[in-house]
Amino acid sequence: MHWALIGYGTMGKWHVDQLRGLDGIRILGVYDILEERQAEARAKGLRAYESLDALLADASLELVTVATSNDCHRDIAIAAMKAGKHVIVEKPATMSTGDLQAMIDVSRETGRLFTVHQNRRWDEDFLAVQRIMREGTLGRVFNIESRVHGSRGISGWRCMRRYGGGILLDWGVHLFDQMLQLIEEPVVSVYCACSYVTTLEVDDGFKCVITFGSGVTAHVEAGTSNFIHLPRWYVQGEHGSAVIRDWDMNGEIVKVSDWETCDAAPVVTAAGVTKTMAPRTEETIRRCPLPAVKSDVRDFYRNALRAIRGEEEQIVTHPQMMRVMRLMEALLDAAARNEVVHARI
């Protein structure tokens, strides 16, 4: 499959590196609006198309990846599909449900594959949580907390609203996509609070609560002013809890082994005593390691190739893409109104 990249920035270079030597892909070249990036591509032995029109006019080109700023995704993807190319866009697919529907409509009209690069589905921390839930390790799960924390603010075009900046669109799209893969039931209400610590133009962090139809809750958070990081994942079930502290998979599962013995010695604090919050004794719990789930993110591209050939369904589907976009719009609405928004998503 002859492939080219549009947008040779940080993620664009990552795509090129991932596809070098991948069976079934031949890299034809790249295009970027910045001449210094064009020159960098040439220095690395890549063809730099002289313009976007020249790239789209290449009849030998079959598949493109769009890794530009978010505001460009719709128009470039639509132009590429109308030029006969299959299209992968970086996340988020675009900036609104209306724009996304337009892209899906063109995909159907042209018969070209259109999908979004939700690469965090291959993160091993996410896959470990997914296995814990699917295998019923904790019994009925009633709450999941998912967080990513940084301490350097946000920079570049992601600071600017007109380019589709903001951490909810940038990182929220990953976390929400993961959560909707974990909890396969309708969302019934959302609440969201955004922060503006390092920039006033776009959100540089958010905290939200998503409630699902059965009452399961998801606490999803991203921050860029966190100098002490909270756990990446915290999962609560009726028979125990699991924690994944970081992307290096430090953490554990703690399960109850003896429901009958639940007494404990009171905890004495400087201002009083509590028995309710005293920890369980070690003989009534069992500590287990996290499951190890290995992955290869290049399976995303392998799936795209097979989907184009009609050998299997694309992994990141149009309904999934639309559901994530609808959820993000509901969360931004909740943040703007500072109230819980009830919506079936």
Protein backbone atom coordinates (compact mmCIF):
# COMPACT_ATOMS: atom_id res chain seq x y z
CA MET A 1 0.00 0.00 0.00
CA HIS A 2 1.56 3.30 -1.11
CA TRP A 3 1.39 5.76 1.81
CA ALA A 4 2.17 9.42 2.43
CA LEU A 5 2.04 11.75 5.41
CA ILE A 6 0.51 15.23 5.64
CA GLY A 7 2.00 17.19 8.54
CA TYR A 8 5.62 16.34 9.38
CA GLY A 9 5.59 17.47 13.02
CA THR A 10 6.22 15.43 16.16
CA MET A 11 3.42 12.91 15.59
CA GLY A 12 4.01 12.87 11.84
CA LYS A 13 7.62 11.83 12.39
CA TRP A 14 6.38 9.16 14.81
CA HIS A 15 4.12 7.74 12.08
CA VAL A 16 7.02 7.62 9.60
CA ASP A 17 9.25 5.87 12.15
CA GLN A 18 6.53 3.32 12.93
CA LEU A 19 5.94 2.50 9.26
CA ARG A 20 9.55 2.16 8.16
CA GLY A 21 10.02 -1.51 7.39
CA LEU A 22 6.39 -2.48 8.11
CA ASP A 23 5.27 -5.22 5.75
CA GLY A 24 2.57 -4.01 3.37
CA ILE A 25 3.50 -0.28 3.47
CA ARG A 26 5.69 1.67 1.08
CA ILE A 27 6.37 5.28 2.12
CA LEU A 28 6.13 7.59 -0.88
CA GLY A 29 6.76 10.88 0.91
CA VAL A 30 5.49 13.69 3.13
CA TYR A 31 4.18 17.23 2.90
CA ASP A 32 4.32 20.05 5.45
CA ILE A 33 3.56 23.76 5.10
CA LEU A 34 6.85 24.64 6.85
CA GLU A 35 9.90 24.58 4.59
CA GLU A 36 12.22 23.63 7.47
CA ARG A 37 10.24 20.44 7.97
CA GLN A 38 10.29 19.76 4.23
CA ALA A 39 14.07 20.14 4.32
CA GLU A 40 14.30 17.84 7.34
CA ALA A 41 12.29 15.20 5.50
CA ARG A 42 14.57 15.41 2.46
CA ALA A 43 17.62 15.12 4.73
CA LYS A 44 16.19 11.85 6.02
CA GLY A 45 15.79 10.49 2.50
CA LEU A 46 12.08 11.17 2.16
CA ARG A 47 10.38 12.77 -0.79
CA ALA A 48 8.85 16.13 0.16
CA TYR A 49 5.90 16.87 -2.11
CA GLU A 50 5.97 20.49 -3.30
CA SER A 51 2.34 21.07 -2.29
CA LEU A 52 -0.72 19.37 -0.86
CA ASP A 53 -2.28 19.41 -4.33
CA ALA A 54 0.76 17.64 -5.74
CA LEU A 55 0.49 14.94 -3.07
CA LEU A 56 -3.21 14.39 -3.71
CA ALA A 57 -2.62 14.32 -7.48
CA ASP A 58 -0.17 11.42 -7.18
CA ALA A 59 -2.15 8.59 -8.79
CA SER A 60 0.08 5.94 -7.24
CA LEU A 61 -0.74 7.12 -3.71
CA GLU A 62 -3.38 5.01 -1.95
CA LEU A 63 -3.36 5.88 1.77
CA VAL A 64 -2.60 9.11 3.65
CA THR A 65 -2.24 9.97 7.31
CA VAL A 66 -3.22 13.50 8.34
CA ALA A 67 -1.14 14.76 11.30
CA THR A 68 -1.85 18.49 11.13
CA SER A 69 -3.43 20.80 13.69
CA ASN A 70 -7.01 19.80 14.51
CA ASP A 71 -8.70 22.59 12.55
CA CYS A 72 -7.33 21.22 9.25
CA HIS A 73 -8.43 17.60 9.62
CA ARG A 74 -11.87 17.92 8.02
CA ASP A 75 -10.93 19.76 4.84
CA ILE A 76 -7.78 17.73 4.16
CA ALA A 77 -9.48 14.39 4.85
CA ILE A 78 -12.43 15.24 2.59
CA ALA A 79 -10.13 16.43 -0.21
CA ALA A 80 -8.02 13.28 0.09
CA MET A 81 -11.01 10.92 -0.03
CA LYS A 82 -12.43 12.77 -3.03
CA ALA A 83 -9.01 12.33 -4.67
CA GLY A 84 -9.39 8.56 -4.20
CA LYS A 85 -7.18 8.13 -1.14
CA HIS A 86 -7.94 6.16 2.00
CA VAL A 87 -7.53 8.39 5.07
CA ILE A 88 -6.26 8.08 8.63
CA VAL A 89 -6.43 11.24 10.74
CA GLU A 90 -4.67 11.94 14.01
CA LYS A 91 -6.91 12.32 17.03
CA PRO A 92 -9.25 14.04 17.56
CA ALA A 93 -10.84 13.21 14.21
CA THR A 94 -12.01 16.81 14.00
CA MET A 95 -13.51 19.55 16.18
CA SER A 96 -17.28 18.93 16.10
CA THR A 97 -19.88 16.25 15.44
CA GLY A 98 -21.07 18.22 12.40
CA ASP A 99 -17.60 18.17 10.83
CA LEU A 100 -17.18 14.50 11.70
CA GLN A 101 -20.47 13.60 10.05
CA ALA A 102 -19.38 15.42 6.89
CA MET A 103 -16.18 13.33 6.84
CA ILE A 104 -18.12 10.09 7.39
CA ASP A 105 -20.55 11.01 4.60
CA VAL A 106 -17.69 11.50 2.13
CA SER A 107 -16.17 8.18 3.20
CA ARG A 108 -19.45 6.44 2.39
CA GLU A 109 -19.88 8.31 -0.89
CA THR A 110 -16.37 7.56 -2.13
CA GLY A 111 -15.96 4.08 -0.64
CA ARG A 112 -12.66 5.15 0.93
CA LEU A 113 -11.59 4.05 4.38
CA PHE A 114 -11.71 6.83 6.96
CA THR A 115 -10.60 6.28 10.54
CA VAL A 116 -8.84 8.02 13.42
CA HIS A 117 -5.54 7.05 15.02
CA GLN A 118 -6.66 6.05 18.54
CA ASN A 119 -3.24 4.62 19.36
CA ARG A 120 -3.80 4.64 23.14
CA ARG A 121 -5.94 1.51 22.74
CA TRP A 122 -2.59 -0.27 22.59
CA ASP A 123 -1.25 1.19 25.86
CA GLU A 124 -0.40 -1.71 28.15
CA ASP A 125 -1.83 0.01 31.25
CA PHE A 126 -5.20 0.32 29.49
CA LEU A 127 -5.04 -3.29 28.28
CA ALA A 128 -4.31 -4.45 31.85
CA VAL A 129 -7.43 -2.65 33.14
CA GLN A 130 -9.43 -4.10 30.28
CA ARG A 131 -8.32 -7.63 31.22
CA ILE A 132 -9.07 -7.05 34.91
CA MET A 133 -12.61 -6.06 34.01
CA ARG A 134 -13.23 -8.74 31.40
CA GLU A 135 -12.00 -11.50 33.69
CA GLY A 136 -14.08 -10.23 36.63
CA THR A 137 -10.99 -10.03 38.86
CA LEU A 138 -12.58 -7.45 41.19
CA GLY A 139 -16.17 -8.63 40.88
CA ARG A 140 -18.66 -5.96 39.85
CA VAL A 141 -16.72 -2.77 39.09
CA PHE A 142 -18.55 0.37 40.24
CA ASN A 143 -15.94 3.11 39.71
CA ILE A 144 -12.94 3.70 37.45
CA GLU A 145 -10.53 6.62 37.74
CA SER A 146 -8.24 7.49 34.82
CA ARG A 147 -5.67 10.29 34.97
CA VAL A 148 -2.74 11.72 33.09
CA HIS A 149 -0.64 14.42 34.72
CA GLY A 150 2.16 16.66 33.51
CA SER A 151 3.85 19.76 34.90
CA ARG A 152 4.92 21.76 31.83
CA GLY A 153 1.66 23.40 30.74
CA ILE A 154 0.78 23.29 27.04
CA SER A 155 2.54 24.97 24.15
CA GLY A 156 2.52 25.55 20.41
CA TRP A 157 -0.72 25.52 18.43
CA ARG A 158 -2.38 23.53 21.22
CA CYS A 159 -2.57 26.82 23.18
CA MET A 160 -4.76 28.40 20.49
CA ARG A 161 -8.50 27.96 20.17
CA ARG A 162 -8.59 28.58 16.41
CA TYR A 163 -6.38 25.55 15.80
CA GLY A 164 -8.47 23.28 18.01
CA GLY A 165 -6.22 23.50 21.06
CA GLY A 166 -6.93 22.59 24.65
CA ILE A 167 -6.13 19.54 26.73
CA LEU A 168 -9.65 18.09 26.60
CA LEU A 169 -9.43 17.71 22.82
CA ASP A 170 -5.75 16.73 22.95
CA TRP A 171 -5.71 14.16 25.77
CA GLY A 172 -9.37 13.79 26.68
CA VAL A 173 -10.06 12.12 23.35
CA HIS A 174 -7.67 9.30 24.34
CA LEU A 175 -9.03 8.87 27.85
CA PHE A 176 -12.69 8.96 26.79
CA ASP A 177 -12.11 6.50 23.96
CA GLN A 178 -10.47 4.12 26.42
CA MET A 179 -13.29 4.53 28.94
CA LEU A 180 -15.98 3.82 26.34
CA GLN A 181 -14.10 0.65 25.40
CA LEU A 182 -14.06 -0.43 29.06
CA ILE A 183 -17.69 0.34 29.91
CA GLU A 184 -19.94 -0.78 27.07
CA GLU A 185 -23.18 0.86 28.11
CA PRO A 186 -24.86 4.23 27.52
CA VAL A 187 -23.66 7.40 29.22
CA VAL A 188 -26.55 9.10 31.04
CA SER A 189 -24.93 12.19 32.60
CA VAL A 190 -21.68 14.12 32.64
CA TYR A 191 -20.04 16.87 34.65
CA CYS A 192 -16.79 18.64 33.81
CA ALA A 193 -14.63 21.42 35.25
CA CYS A 194 -11.81 22.85 33.15
CA SER A 195 -8.72 24.68 34.42
CA TYR A 196 -6.91 27.66 32.89
CA VAL A 197 -3.70 27.86 34.93
CA THR A 198 -1.10 28.42 32.21
CA THR A 199 -3.30 29.89 29.47
CA LEU A 200 -6.66 31.66 29.40
CA GLU A 201 -7.48 30.89 25.76
CA VAL A 202 -7.98 27.12 26.05
CA ASP A 203 -8.29 24.61 28.87
CA ASP A 204 -4.98 23.26 30.16
CA GLY A 205 -6.67 20.64 32.34
CA PHE A 206 -10.02 19.11 33.22
CA LYS A 207 -11.74 16.92 35.77
CA CYS A 208 -14.95 15.17 34.86
CA VAL A 209 -17.42 12.58 36.11
CA ILE A 210 -19.21 10.33 33.62
CA THR A 211 -22.17 8.27 34.83
CA PHE A 212 -23.30 5.22 32.89
CA GLY A 213 -26.75 3.63 32.74
CA SER A 214 -26.08 0.98 35.38
CA GLY A 215 -24.72 3.58 37.81
CA VAL A 216 -21.05 2.86 37.14
CA THR A 217 -19.02 6.07 37.39
CA ALA A 218 -15.84 7.12 35.64
CA HIS A 219 -13.63 9.90 36.97
CA VAL A 220 -11.43 11.16 34.13
CA GLU A 221 -8.79 13.81 34.65
CA ALA A 222 -5.92 15.45 32.78
CA GLY A 223 -3.70 18.18 34.14
CA THR A 224 -0.58 20.05 33.07
CA SER A 225 0.27 21.74 36.39
CA ASN A 226 0.71 18.60 38.51
CA PHE A 227 4.16 18.31 40.10
CA ILE A 228 3.08 15.22 42.04
CA HIS A 229 1.22 12.72 39.90
CA LEU A 230 -1.79 10.76 41.12
CA PRO A 231 -2.20 7.15 39.90
CA ARG A 232 -2.77 6.58 36.19
CA TRP A 233 -5.63 4.16 37.02
CA TYR A 234 -7.64 3.33 40.13
CA VAL A 235 -10.38 0.70 39.79
CA GLN A 236 -12.89 -0.19 42.50
CA GLY A 237 -14.90 -3.41 42.51
CA GLU A 238 -17.08 -5.15 45.04
CA HIS A 239 -14.29 -7.63 45.88
CA GLY A 240 -11.22 -5.41 45.71
CA SER A 241 -9.31 -2.57 44.10
CA ALA A 242 -6.58 -2.20 41.50
CA VAL A 243 -4.08 0.60 41.07
CA ILE A 244 -1.71 1.33 38.19
CA ARG A 245 0.53 4.17 39.27
CA ASP A 246 2.29 5.00 36.02
CA TRP A 247 3.03 3.96 32.43
CA ASP A 248 5.77 1.66 33.74
CA MET A 249 3.01 -0.55 35.19
CA ASN A 250 3.90 -0.12 38.84
CA GLY A 251 0.87 -1.12 40.88
CA GLU A 252 -1.07 -4.01 42.35
CA ILE A 253 -4.43 -5.69 42.86
CA VAL A 254 -5.76 -6.09 46.41
CA LYS A 255 -8.71 -8.45 46.91
CA VAL A 256 -10.64 -9.48 49.98
CA SER A 257 -10.02 -13.09 51.00
CA ASP A 258 -12.13 -13.22 54.17
CA TRP A 259 -15.40 -11.29 54.32
CA GLU A 260 -16.33 -12.73 57.70
CA THR A 261 -13.32 -11.28 59.52
CA CYS A 262 -13.66 -7.55 59.12
CA ASP A 263 -12.77 -6.22 62.56
CA ALA A 264 -9.64 -4.08 62.90
CA ALA A 265 -7.74 -2.14 65.52
CA PRO A 266 -8.80 1.54 65.60
CA VAL A 267 -6.53 4.14 64.05
CA VAL A 268 -5.57 6.97 66.41
CA THR A 269 -4.90 10.35 64.80
CA ALA A 270 -3.76 13.59 66.38
CA ALA A 271 -7.37 14.77 66.73
CA GLY A 272 -9.26 11.58 67.36
CA VAL A 273 -9.82 7.90 66.69
CA THR A 274 -11.49 6.01 63.82
CA LYS A 275 -12.35 2.38 63.39
CA THR A 276 -14.38 2.83 60.20
CA MET A 277 -11.33 3.90 58.21
CA ALA A 278 -8.89 1.46 59.84
CA PRO A 279 -7.22 -0.74 57.21
CA ARG A 280 -8.06 -4.41 56.88
CA THR A 281 -5.65 -6.83 58.49
CA GLU A 282 -3.27 -8.56 56.11
CA GLU A 283 -4.73 -12.02 56.75
CA THR A 284 -8.08 -10.93 55.26
CA ILE A 285 -6.74 -9.70 51.93
CA ARG A 286 -4.75 -11.08 49.03
CA ARG A 287 -2.27 -9.00 47.02
CA CYS A 288 -1.81 -9.90 43.36
CA PRO A 289 0.38 -8.56 40.55
CA LEU A 290 -1.12 -6.69 37.64
CA PRO A 291 -1.72 -8.73 34.49
CA ALA A 292 0.97 -8.31 31.83
CA VAL A 293 -0.56 -7.60 28.41
CA LYS A 294 1.87 -7.02 25.54
CA SER A 295 0.89 -5.09 22.44
CA ASP A 296 2.17 -3.71 19.13
CA VAL A 297 0.69 -0.33 18.17
CA ARG A 298 1.52 -1.05 14.52
CA ASP A 299 -1.45 -3.43 14.61
CA PHE A 300 -3.51 -0.28 14.02
CA TYR A 301 -1.96 0.08 10.56
CA ARG A 302 -2.10 -3.65 9.89
CA ASN A 303 -5.84 -3.50 10.57
CA ALA A 304 -6.24 -0.49 8.25
CA LEU A 305 -4.56 -2.41 5.42
CA ARG A 306 -6.77 -5.46 5.95
CA ALA A 307 -9.88 -3.29 6.19
CA ILE A 308 -9.02 -1.60 2.88
CA ARG A 309 -8.65 -5.05 1.30
CA GLY A 310 -11.99 -6.13 2.79
CA GLU A 311 -10.41 -8.81 4.96
CA GLU A 312 -11.66 -7.46 8.32
CA GLU A 313 -13.57 -4.56 9.86
CA GLN A 314 -11.68 -1.43 10.84
CA ILE A 315 -10.89 -1.35 14.56
CA VAL A 316 -11.78 2.31 15.19
CA THR A 317 -15.25 2.55 13.69
CA HIS A 318 -17.35 5.55 12.63
CA PRO A 319 -19.92 5.03 15.44
CA GLN A 320 -17.09 4.88 18.00
CA MET A 321 -15.55 8.06 16.61
CA MET A 322 -18.92 9.85 16.72
CA ARG A 323 -19.64 8.67 20.26
CA VAL A 324 -16.35 10.07 21.57
CA MET A 325 -17.01 13.38 19.81
CA ARG A 326 -20.54 13.59 21.23
CA LEU A 327 -19.18 12.88 24.72
CA MET A 328 -16.54 15.61 24.40
CA GLU A 329 -19.15 18.11 23.25
CA ALA A 330 -21.38 17.20 26.22
CA LEU A 331 -18.46 17.63 28.62
CA LEU A 332 -17.53 21.03 27.18
CA ASP A 333 -21.19 22.05 27.48
CA ALA A 334 -21.26 20.91 31.10
CA ALA A 335 -18.08 22.89 31.82
CA ALA A 336 -19.47 26.04 30.18
CA ARG A 337 -22.74 25.78 32.12
CA ASN A 338 -21.12 24.56 35.36
CA GLU A 339 -23.80 21.93 35.81
CA VAL A 340 -24.52 18.27 35.25
CA VAL A 341 -25.66 17.60 31.70
CA HIS A 342 -28.07 14.71 31.19
CA ALA A 343 -27.68 13.10 27.79
CA ARG A 344 -27.85 9.57 26.40
CA ILE A 345 -24.57 8.95 24.58
